[in-house]
Protein backbone atom coordinates (compact mmCIF):
# COMPACT_ATOMS: atom_id res chain seq x y z
CA MET A 1 105.71 -9.12 144.76
CA ASP A 2 108.09 -10.97 142.59
CA VAL A 3 111.62 -9.50 142.04
CA THR A 4 114.32 -10.53 139.88
CA LEU A 5 117.93 -10.75 141.22
CA ALA A 6 119.09 -8.11 138.85
CA GLU A 7 116.48 -5.72 140.16
CA ILE A 8 117.45 -6.56 143.65
CA ALA A 9 121.01 -5.69 142.80
CA ALA A 10 120.23 -2.49 140.86
CA VAL A 11 117.77 -1.21 143.62
CA THR A 12 120.29 -1.91 146.42
CA GLY A 13 123.40 -0.86 144.42
CA GLY A 14 124.74 -4.45 145.21
CA ALA A 15 126.81 -6.78 143.29
CA LEU A 16 125.30 -10.17 142.13
CA HIS A 17 127.49 -13.21 142.61
CA GLY A 18 126.26 -16.53 141.07
CA GLY A 19 122.77 -17.32 139.95
CA PRO A 20 121.01 -16.15 136.91
CA ALA A 21 120.05 -12.55 136.95
CA ASP A 22 116.56 -13.17 135.68
CA ALA A 23 115.80 -15.62 138.59
CA LEU A 24 112.74 -14.52 140.64
CA ALA A 25 112.59 -13.95 144.30
CA THR A 26 108.99 -14.46 145.30
CA SER A 27 109.38 -13.33 148.80
CA PHE A 28 111.76 -11.84 151.28
CA ALA A 29 112.72 -13.02 154.97
CA PHE A 30 115.26 -12.31 157.58
CA ASP A 31 114.67 -15.66 159.60
CA SER A 32 115.81 -18.81 157.94
CA ARG A 33 113.47 -20.82 159.79
CA ALA A 34 110.31 -19.10 158.35
CA LEU A 35 111.29 -18.41 154.77
CA GLU A 36 109.28 -19.75 151.85
CA ALA A 37 110.90 -21.43 148.81
CA ASN A 38 112.35 -18.96 146.31
CA ALA A 39 112.83 -16.22 149.04
CA CYS A 40 115.53 -13.89 149.23
CA PHE A 41 117.18 -14.19 152.71
CA VAL A 42 118.25 -10.86 154.17
CA ALA A 43 121.19 -11.41 156.52
CA LEU A 44 120.53 -8.82 159.20
CA ARG A 45 122.76 -8.24 162.08
CA GLY A 46 121.05 -8.24 165.63
CA ALA A 47 121.45 -10.41 168.65
CA ARG A 48 122.33 -12.99 166.17
CA ASP A 49 124.28 -12.34 162.80
CA GLY A 50 122.01 -13.45 159.90
CA HIS A 51 125.31 -14.13 157.88
CA ASP A 52 125.58 -17.35 160.14
CA PHE A 53 122.48 -18.73 158.75
CA VAL A 54 123.02 -18.17 155.01
CA GLY A 55 123.64 -21.83 154.53
CA ASP A 56 120.42 -22.84 156.26
CA ALA A 57 118.53 -20.33 154.38
CA PHE A 58 119.56 -21.98 151.15
CA GLU A 59 119.04 -25.44 152.58
CA ARG A 60 115.28 -24.39 153.13
CA GLY A 61 114.80 -23.18 149.52
CA ALA A 62 116.14 -19.67 149.40
CA ILE A 63 116.88 -18.58 145.93
CA ALA A 64 119.34 -15.70 146.97
CA ALA A 65 120.70 -14.08 149.98
CA LEU A 66 121.35 -10.33 150.57
CA VAL A 67 124.80 -10.01 152.46
CA ALA A 68 127.36 -7.68 153.61
CA ARG A 69 130.18 -10.16 153.53
CA MET A 70 130.79 -13.25 151.28
CA PRO A 71 130.77 -16.58 153.05
CA ALA A 72 133.59 -18.92 152.46
CA ASP A 73 131.22 -21.24 150.44
CA SER A 74 127.76 -20.57 149.28
CA PRO A 75 125.40 -22.79 147.42
CA GLY A 76 123.37 -20.14 145.92
CA ALA A 77 123.15 -16.56 144.64
CA LEU A 78 124.67 -13.59 146.71
CA ILE A 79 123.93 -10.02 146.43
CA LEU A 80 126.60 -8.03 148.23
CA VAL A 81 125.72 -4.77 149.67
CA PRO A 82 127.37 -2.56 152.32
CA ASP A 83 124.49 -2.81 154.85
CA PRO A 84 121.66 -5.28 154.34
CA LEU A 85 119.34 -3.28 156.54
CA ALA A 86 119.70 -0.10 154.43
CA ALA A 87 119.28 -2.32 151.20
CA LEU A 88 116.06 -3.69 152.65
CA ALA A 89 114.89 -0.10 153.07
CA ASP A 90 115.83 0.66 149.62
CA LEU A 91 113.83 -2.25 148.38
CA GLY A 92 110.85 -1.03 150.62
CA ARG A 93 110.96 2.41 148.90
CA TRP A 94 111.13 0.77 145.56
CA ALA A 95 108.15 -1.49 146.35
CA ARG A 96 106.04 1.57 147.32
CA THR A 97 106.73 3.03 143.84
CA ARG A 98 105.58 -0.23 142.34
CA LEU A 99 102.46 0.13 144.41
CA ALA A 100 101.84 3.67 143.17
CA GLY A 101 98.05 3.29 142.69
CA ALA A 102 97.59 1.83 146.25
CA THR A 103 96.71 3.78 149.43
CA VAL A 104 98.84 3.26 152.41
CA VAL A 105 97.38 3.45 155.84
CA ALA A 106 99.81 3.70 158.54
CA ILE A 107 99.05 3.16 162.24
CA THR A 108 101.06 4.14 165.38
CA GLY A 109 100.43 4.68 168.92
CA SER A 110 101.58 3.70 172.42
CA ALA A 111 98.96 1.04 172.68
CA GLY A 112 96.43 -0.84 170.29
CA LYS A 113 98.61 -0.58 167.15
CA THR A 114 98.30 -4.17 166.13
CA ALA A 115 94.56 -4.52 167.07
CA THR A 116 93.88 -1.27 165.17
CA LYS A 117 95.62 -2.52 162.22
CA ASP A 118 93.81 -5.79 162.19
CA LEU A 119 90.48 -4.10 162.50
CA THR A 120 91.39 -1.47 159.92
CA ALA A 121 92.27 -4.35 157.51
CA ALA A 122 89.09 -5.99 158.20
CA ALA A 123 87.04 -2.82 157.80
CA LEU A 124 88.54 -2.36 154.28
CA SER A 125 88.62 -5.90 153.07
CA SER A 126 84.83 -6.08 152.27
CA SER A 127 85.21 -3.66 149.40
CA LEU A 128 89.01 -3.35 148.45
CA ALA A 129 92.09 -5.58 148.00
CA VAL A 130 94.04 -5.10 151.25
CA HIS A 131 97.40 -6.24 152.28
CA ALA A 132 98.43 -5.79 155.95
CA SER A 133 101.50 -6.23 157.99
CA VAL A 134 101.89 -9.66 159.54
CA GLY A 135 101.73 -9.71 163.33
CA SER A 136 103.58 -6.76 164.75
CA PHE A 137 105.99 -6.19 161.91
CA ASN A 138 106.24 -2.44 162.60
CA ASN A 139 110.02 -1.58 162.48
CA GLU A 140 112.70 -0.85 160.03
CA PHE A 141 112.75 -4.41 158.68
CA GLY A 142 109.22 -5.28 159.34
CA LEU A 143 107.60 -2.41 157.21
CA PRO A 144 109.72 -3.08 154.13
CA LEU A 145 108.86 -6.64 154.16
CA THR A 146 105.20 -5.72 154.38
CA LEU A 147 105.64 -3.55 151.22
CA LEU A 148 107.53 -6.14 149.28
CA ALA A 149 104.95 -8.82 150.34
CA ALA A 150 102.15 -6.82 148.88
CA PRO A 151 100.50 -8.35 145.64
CA MET A 152 100.56 -5.99 142.82
CA ALA A 153 96.79 -5.84 142.78
CA THR A 154 96.72 -4.47 146.15
CA GLU A 155 94.45 -1.30 146.63
CA VAL A 156 95.18 -0.49 150.24
CA VAL A 157 98.37 -1.55 152.30
CA VAL A 158 97.77 -1.23 156.01
CA ALA A 159 101.00 -1.04 157.99
CA GLU A 160 101.93 -0.67 161.61
CA MET A 161 104.79 1.73 162.81
CA GLY A 162 106.49 1.40 166.11
CA ALA A 163 109.12 3.55 167.56
CA ARG A 164 111.78 3.23 170.26
CA PHE A 165 113.70 6.51 169.33
CA ALA A 166 113.05 9.89 167.88
CA GLY A 167 113.13 9.90 164.14
CA ASN A 168 112.08 6.11 163.81
CA ILE A 169 108.59 6.85 162.45
CA ALA A 170 109.79 9.72 160.21
CA ASP A 171 112.21 7.09 158.61
CA LEU A 172 109.26 4.60 158.16
CA CYS A 173 107.14 7.12 156.48
CA GLY A 174 109.94 7.92 154.09
CA ILE A 175 109.72 4.36 153.04
CA ALA A 176 105.92 3.87 152.94
CA ARG A 177 104.74 7.29 152.07
CA PRO A 178 101.36 7.03 153.99
CA ASP A 179 98.14 8.62 152.68
CA VAL A 180 96.19 7.92 155.92
CA GLY A 181 97.69 8.10 159.34
CA ILE A 182 95.97 6.81 162.64
CA VAL A 183 97.34 7.67 165.98
CA THR A 184 95.72 5.45 168.52
CA HIS A 185 96.85 6.80 171.79
CA VAL A 186 99.93 8.63 173.31
CA GLY A 187 100.84 6.88 176.54
CA LEU A 188 104.20 5.79 178.06
CA ALA A 189 105.25 2.77 176.13
CA HIS A 190 109.10 3.23 175.40
CA ALA A 191 109.19 6.23 177.49
CA GLU A 192 112.71 5.46 178.71
CA HIS A 193 114.11 5.71 175.15
CA LEU A 194 111.78 8.55 173.98
CA GLY A 195 112.03 11.24 176.52
CA GLY A 196 108.67 10.81 178.51
CA ARG A 197 105.38 11.52 177.29
CA ALA A 198 106.57 14.68 175.45
CA GLY A 199 108.97 12.83 173.50
CA ILE A 200 106.50 10.18 172.70
CA THR A 201 104.06 12.84 171.43
CA GLN A 202 106.77 14.06 169.36
CA VAL A 203 107.66 10.86 167.70
CA LYS A 204 104.11 9.77 167.20
CA GLY A 205 103.29 13.15 165.49
CA GLU A 206 106.02 12.29 162.83
CA LEU A 207 103.50 10.14 161.15
CA LEU A 208 100.96 13.12 160.81
CA GLU A 209 103.59 15.51 159.60
CA ALA A 210 104.42 13.16 156.85
CA LEU A 211 100.77 12.84 155.46
CA PRO A 212 100.05 14.94 152.16
CA ALA A 213 97.52 17.72 152.32
CA ALA A 214 95.09 15.45 150.41
CA GLY A 215 95.49 12.79 153.12
CA VAL A 216 93.44 11.91 156.39
CA ALA A 217 94.66 11.91 159.99
CA VAL A 218 92.67 9.88 162.42
CA VAL A 219 93.14 10.81 165.83
CA ASN A 220 91.93 10.05 169.43
CA ALA A 221 89.46 12.90 170.49
CA ASP A 222 89.80 11.60 174.28
CA ASP A 223 93.59 11.90 174.29
CA ASP A 224 94.90 15.20 175.57
CA ALA A 225 98.00 14.89 173.27
CA THR A 226 95.68 15.26 170.16
CA PRO A 227 95.69 19.04 169.98
CA GLU A 228 99.48 19.14 169.50
CA LEU A 229 99.35 16.18 167.09
CA VAL A 230 96.79 17.68 164.85
CA SER A 231 98.65 21.11 164.89
CA ARG A 232 101.44 19.29 162.90
CA THR A 233 99.40 18.02 159.95
CA ARG A 234 98.09 19.63 156.78
CA ALA A 235 95.79 16.68 156.24
CA ARG A 236 92.25 16.41 156.72
CA VAL A 237 91.46 15.39 160.49
CA LEU A 238 89.03 13.05 161.92
CA ARG A 239 88.59 12.99 165.65
CA VAL A 240 87.38 9.65 167.09
CA GLY A 241 85.99 9.00 170.56
CA ALA A 242 83.08 8.95 172.86
CA ARG A 243 80.31 11.23 171.78
CA SER A 244 81.15 14.87 172.46
CA ALA A 245 81.03 18.29 170.95
CA ASP A 246 84.42 17.97 169.22
CA VAL A 247 84.18 14.66 167.55
CA ASP A 248 83.71 13.44 163.94
CA VAL A 249 83.17 9.74 164.37
CA ALA A 250 81.54 9.04 167.83
CA THR A 251 80.89 5.87 169.78
CA SER A 252 78.10 5.31 172.33
CA GLU A 253 75.88 2.50 173.92
CA VAL A 254 78.83 0.26 174.58
CA HIS A 255 77.96 -3.20 175.98
CA LEU A 256 80.05 -6.26 176.65
CA ASP A 257 78.64 -9.71 176.28
CA ALA A 258 79.42 -12.53 178.64
CA GLU A 259 82.73 -13.30 176.51
CA LEU A 260 83.84 -9.45 176.74
CA ARG A 261 82.70 -8.83 173.04
CA PRO A 262 81.70 -5.30 172.57
CA ARG A 263 78.54 -4.10 170.83
CA PHE A 264 78.25 -0.30 170.29
CA VAL A 265 76.88 2.36 168.11
CA VAL A 266 79.07 4.45 165.75
CA GLU A 267 77.81 7.98 164.52
CA SER A 268 79.71 9.40 161.61
CA PRO A 269 79.38 11.88 158.63
CA TRP A 270 78.75 8.68 156.66
CA GLY A 271 75.80 7.62 158.89
CA THR A 272 75.03 5.68 162.05
CA THR A 273 74.99 2.03 162.61
CA THR A 274 75.46 -0.65 165.33
CA VAL A 275 78.69 -2.58 165.29
CA GLN A 276 79.33 -6.09 167.02
CA LEU A 277 82.95 -7.00 167.51
CA ALA A 278 84.30 -10.56 167.84
CA VAL A 279 87.53 -9.10 169.53
CA ARG A 280 87.36 -8.78 173.28
CA GLY A 281 87.62 -5.85 175.52
CA ALA A 282 85.84 -2.41 175.90
CA HIS A 283 89.21 -0.67 174.72
CA GLN A 284 88.60 -2.38 171.15
CA VAL A 285 85.60 0.06 170.71
CA GLN A 286 87.94 2.92 170.19
CA ASN A 287 90.32 0.81 168.04
CA ALA A 288 87.39 -0.30 165.88
CA ALA A 289 86.03 3.35 165.68
CA MET A 290 89.29 4.52 164.28
CA ALA A 291 89.64 1.63 161.98
CA ALA A 292 85.92 2.68 160.65
CA ALA A 293 86.91 6.28 160.29
CA ALA A 294 89.93 5.43 158.03
CA ALA A 295 87.80 2.94 155.88
CA LEU A 296 84.87 5.40 155.62
CA SER A 297 87.30 8.18 154.39
CA LEU A 298 88.36 5.88 151.75
CA GLY A 299 84.92 5.18 150.39
CA VAL A 300 83.92 2.05 152.02
CA SER A 301 80.22 1.89 152.80
CA LEU A 302 79.13 1.81 156.45
CA ALA A 303 77.34 -1.46 156.11
CA ASP A 304 80.58 -2.98 154.70
CA VAL A 305 82.59 -1.38 157.60
CA ALA A 306 80.30 -2.89 160.06
CA LYS A 307 80.43 -6.29 158.38
CA GLY A 308 84.42 -6.24 158.17
CA LEU A 309 84.65 -5.29 161.86
CA ALA A 310 82.22 -8.08 162.94
CA GLU A 311 84.68 -10.48 161.28
CA ALA A 312 87.92 -9.18 162.63
CA THR A 313 90.28 -11.32 164.84
CA THR A 314 93.25 -10.69 166.84
CA ALA A 315 96.65 -12.30 167.14
CA ASN A 316 97.72 -14.75 169.67
CA TRP A 317 97.96 -13.84 173.52
CA ARG A 318 95.71 -10.67 172.89
CA MET A 319 92.48 -10.85 175.16
CA GLN A 320 92.11 -14.55 174.29
CA LEU A 321 89.33 -16.26 176.50
CA HIS A 322 89.52 -19.78 177.48
CA LEU A 323 88.11 -22.15 179.95
CA SER A 324 90.63 -24.37 181.66
CA PRO A 325 89.92 -28.16 182.39
CA GLU A 326 89.39 -27.06 186.11
CA GLY A 327 86.56 -24.73 185.07
CA VAL A 328 88.71 -21.59 185.40
CA THR A 329 88.21 -18.78 182.95
CA VAL A 330 91.68 -17.68 181.68
CA LEU A 331 92.12 -14.20 179.86
CA ASN A 332 95.32 -14.39 178.10
CA ASP A 333 96.53 -10.90 177.31
CA ALA A 334 100.19 -11.57 177.66
CA TYR A 335 101.55 -10.44 174.41
CA ASN A 336 102.87 -7.14 175.70
CA ALA A 337 101.81 -4.39 178.42
CA SER A 338 102.01 -0.80 178.94
CA PRO A 339 100.14 1.34 181.58
CA THR A 340 97.26 2.05 179.08
CA SER A 341 96.78 -1.72 178.01
CA VAL A 342 97.05 -2.85 181.54
CA ALA A 343 94.18 -0.45 182.58
CA ALA A 344 92.08 -1.52 179.73
CA ALA A 345 92.57 -5.30 180.48
CA LEU A 346 91.58 -4.78 184.04
CA GLU A 347 88.47 -2.80 183.07
CA SER A 348 87.26 -5.82 180.97
CA PHE A 349 88.33 -8.43 183.45
CA ALA A 350 86.11 -6.88 185.98
CA HIS A 351 83.13 -8.34 184.02
CA LEU A 352 84.27 -11.85 184.46
CA ALA A 353 83.77 -14.35 187.35
CA PRO A 354 80.77 -12.59 188.95
CA GLY A 355 80.42 -15.46 191.41
CA GLY A 356 84.08 -16.21 191.78
CA ARG A 357 87.57 -14.58 192.46
CA ARG A 358 89.59 -12.71 190.12
CA ILE A 359 93.31 -13.42 190.08
CA PHE A 360 95.62 -11.08 188.18
CA VAL A 361 98.99 -12.38 187.20
CA PHE A 362 101.13 -9.43 186.51
CA GLY A 363 104.65 -9.16 185.15
CA GLU A 364 106.55 -5.82 185.09
CA MET A 365 106.15 -3.28 182.46
CA LEU A 366 109.46 -2.42 180.67
CA GLU A 367 111.03 0.66 179.26
CA LEU A 368 109.04 3.22 181.46
CA GLY A 369 112.21 4.94 182.61
CA ASP A 370 111.73 7.23 185.66
CA GLN A 371 107.96 6.69 185.41
CA GLY A 372 108.25 2.99 186.23
CA VAL A 373 107.50 3.17 189.99
CA VAL A 374 104.50 5.42 189.57
CA GLU A 375 102.94 3.42 186.72
CA HIS A 376 103.46 0.11 188.60
CA THR A 377 101.90 1.67 191.76
CA ARG A 378 99.01 2.91 189.71
CA VAL A 379 98.30 -0.71 188.41
CA GLY A 380 97.99 -1.91 191.98
CA GLU A 381 95.55 0.85 192.61
CA ILE A 382 93.61 -0.11 189.53
CA ALA A 383 93.54 -3.77 190.36
CA ALA A 384 91.93 -2.82 193.68
CA ASP A 385 89.56 -0.55 192.18
CA THR A 386 88.29 -2.94 189.40
CA GLY A 387 87.64 -5.83 191.82
CA VAL A 388 90.66 -8.11 191.70
CA ASP A 389 91.03 -10.44 194.66
CA VAL A 390 94.60 -11.63 194.23
CA LEU A 391 97.56 -9.98 192.67
CA VAL A 392 100.28 -12.36 191.73
CA ILE A 393 103.39 -10.15 190.49
CA VAL A 394 106.36 -11.53 188.42
CA GLY A 395 109.64 -9.39 188.36
CA ALA A 396 111.18 -6.98 190.77
CA GLY A 397 109.85 -4.07 188.84
CA ALA A 398 106.29 -5.06 189.54
CA ARG A 399 106.68 -4.77 193.39
CA PRO A 400 105.28 -1.24 193.58
CA ALA A 401 102.11 -2.67 192.38
CA ALA A 402 102.09 -5.19 195.22
CA ILE A 403 102.69 -2.45 197.72
CA ALA A 404 99.75 -0.48 196.47
CA ALA A 405 97.44 -3.55 196.13
CA ARG A 406 98.31 -4.74 199.71
CA GLU A 407 97.41 -1.25 201.11
CA ARG A 408 94.04 -1.61 199.73
CA GLY A 409 93.43 -5.15 201.06
CA LEU A 410 94.44 -7.30 198.11
CA THR A 411 96.04 -10.74 198.76
CA VAL A 412 99.50 -10.56 196.96
CA VAL A 413 101.81 -13.30 196.05
CA ASP A 414 105.46 -12.33 194.88
CA ALA A 415 106.50 -14.99 192.28
CA PRO A 416 110.07 -14.84 191.04
CA ASP A 417 109.28 -16.38 187.79
CA ALA A 418 106.64 -17.81 185.63
CA SER A 419 106.83 -21.27 187.05
CA ALA A 420 106.32 -19.94 190.50
CA ALA A 421 103.37 -17.86 189.27
CA LEU A 422 101.84 -20.99 187.85
CA ASP A 423 102.27 -22.74 191.02
CA ALA A 424 100.57 -20.05 193.01
CA VAL A 425 97.46 -19.77 190.68
CA ARG A 426 97.07 -23.74 190.52
CA GLY A 427 97.20 -23.78 194.33
CA MET A 428 94.35 -21.02 194.63
CA ALA A 429 92.14 -21.08 191.52
CA ARG A 430 88.86 -22.89 191.73
CA PRO A 431 85.90 -23.50 189.22
CA GLY A 432 84.26 -20.22 188.63
CA ASP A 433 87.38 -18.20 189.21
CA ALA A 434 88.99 -16.01 186.43
CA VAL A 435 92.71 -15.54 185.84
CA LEU A 436 94.08 -12.58 183.82
CA VAL A 437 97.73 -12.70 182.60
CA LYS A 438 99.49 -9.57 181.59
CA ALA A 439 103.18 -8.49 181.14
CA SER A 440 105.54 -6.86 178.84
CA ARG A 441 106.63 -9.27 176.00
CA ALA A 442 110.12 -9.90 177.46
CA ILE A 443 108.61 -11.40 180.59
CA GLY A 444 107.19 -14.26 178.59
CA LEU A 445 104.18 -14.80 180.90
CA GLU A 446 102.12 -16.42 178.01
CA VAL A 447 103.46 -19.88 179.20
CA VAL A 448 101.46 -19.34 182.43
CA ALA A 449 98.17 -18.84 180.44
CA ASP A 450 99.04 -21.59 177.98
CA ALA A 451 99.70 -24.16 180.92
CA LEU A 452 96.49 -23.22 182.66
CA VAL A 453 94.44 -23.65 179.53
CA ALA A 454 95.96 -27.01 178.77
CA GLY A 455 95.64 -28.16 182.34
CA GLU A 456 99.43 -28.56 182.85
CA SER A 457 101.11 -28.55 186.07
CA LYS A 458 104.32 -26.77 185.09
CA VAL A 459 105.72 -24.50 182.25
CA SER A 460 107.86 -25.80 179.70
């Protein structure tokens, strides 16, 4: 979406200093290293202050910068505002008005948001002009950037919404004004900040509350939080889950191939078909069915939905399957971890290495609050129940998993860091074995999986 500097200043209430008012910003970015030529750089304050990188942004081709203070010397146009983050939200709201004819599908949940976003975009793309958020751009700066990046011809915007505190999703809905809302699952991700599962249910429900009466709420029929969620919406409700008496879009006959790719039957008011996914894991069946429900509700044919889902891919470090030079199968699901996603990964992992050993490299799950010990203990139990042979833990918070696993006869290795975890796996994995790598994002265990796949002896 092209925006003049004059429009940026008007929308944000900012003052333009330097540069022609009719110059066009063709994109927006908050990372100077990743911006495109003619972008407007937004100087956000976080762990690092974006104002320190205004000069770098101009050197890399920015046409303007949205700032809260004037640098001593600037080679380009500046738009001075009290708060660049608030200004970015204003721009996101304005972009939504320019996309007045487009439908916005918003997705939230404790797990599966990004995968469901990718699957939904794929299900819609066979019939409609779709723009989806990049990666996990799901917060107060990622969502406005998603809207601002949408071409004017966009028919559907698919946006992911995350939350760490109460009110986050309501604020995002105030920017995006969604027509369709998907709540994948209510679990314990960010429980520390959201007040346990009850608080998580409350904040995820903010999405359904924001939907118009003519909208559609897609919910998980197999989640016990769903009755409370649907009581808070006036939109039409589509319940999605395993075939049961109270489901609108049902899944059945689920089979995984040798590379963990699911095939299943979906039954809906729009018909019944078989879907083959390219993404991996049995848990993707529910994500894909929710994506299908949203697409079908927007008029996409069942055949086109199935075709789009078959072509969907996932982002890096999400259930990626590789064979190492030593003949070890590596399942890299290291992007993030919550109790729900760990259980799902282990369920799929049980299908690998039928003649070898299964080695689970597990880093602690963060932000679980007072549920941390219980949930890590549960991971150790699930690992034993699903046929893991060796558990390698990384991080003190994961030690309850080690205790539970040892009690059930598993071999456990306590690794202080990623390098030690890699050494442990290197010392025990043999051809025909399989390794699953899973942890919260901040633990950074993707380096272990990457090193195994590359045949490297250490992490860089």
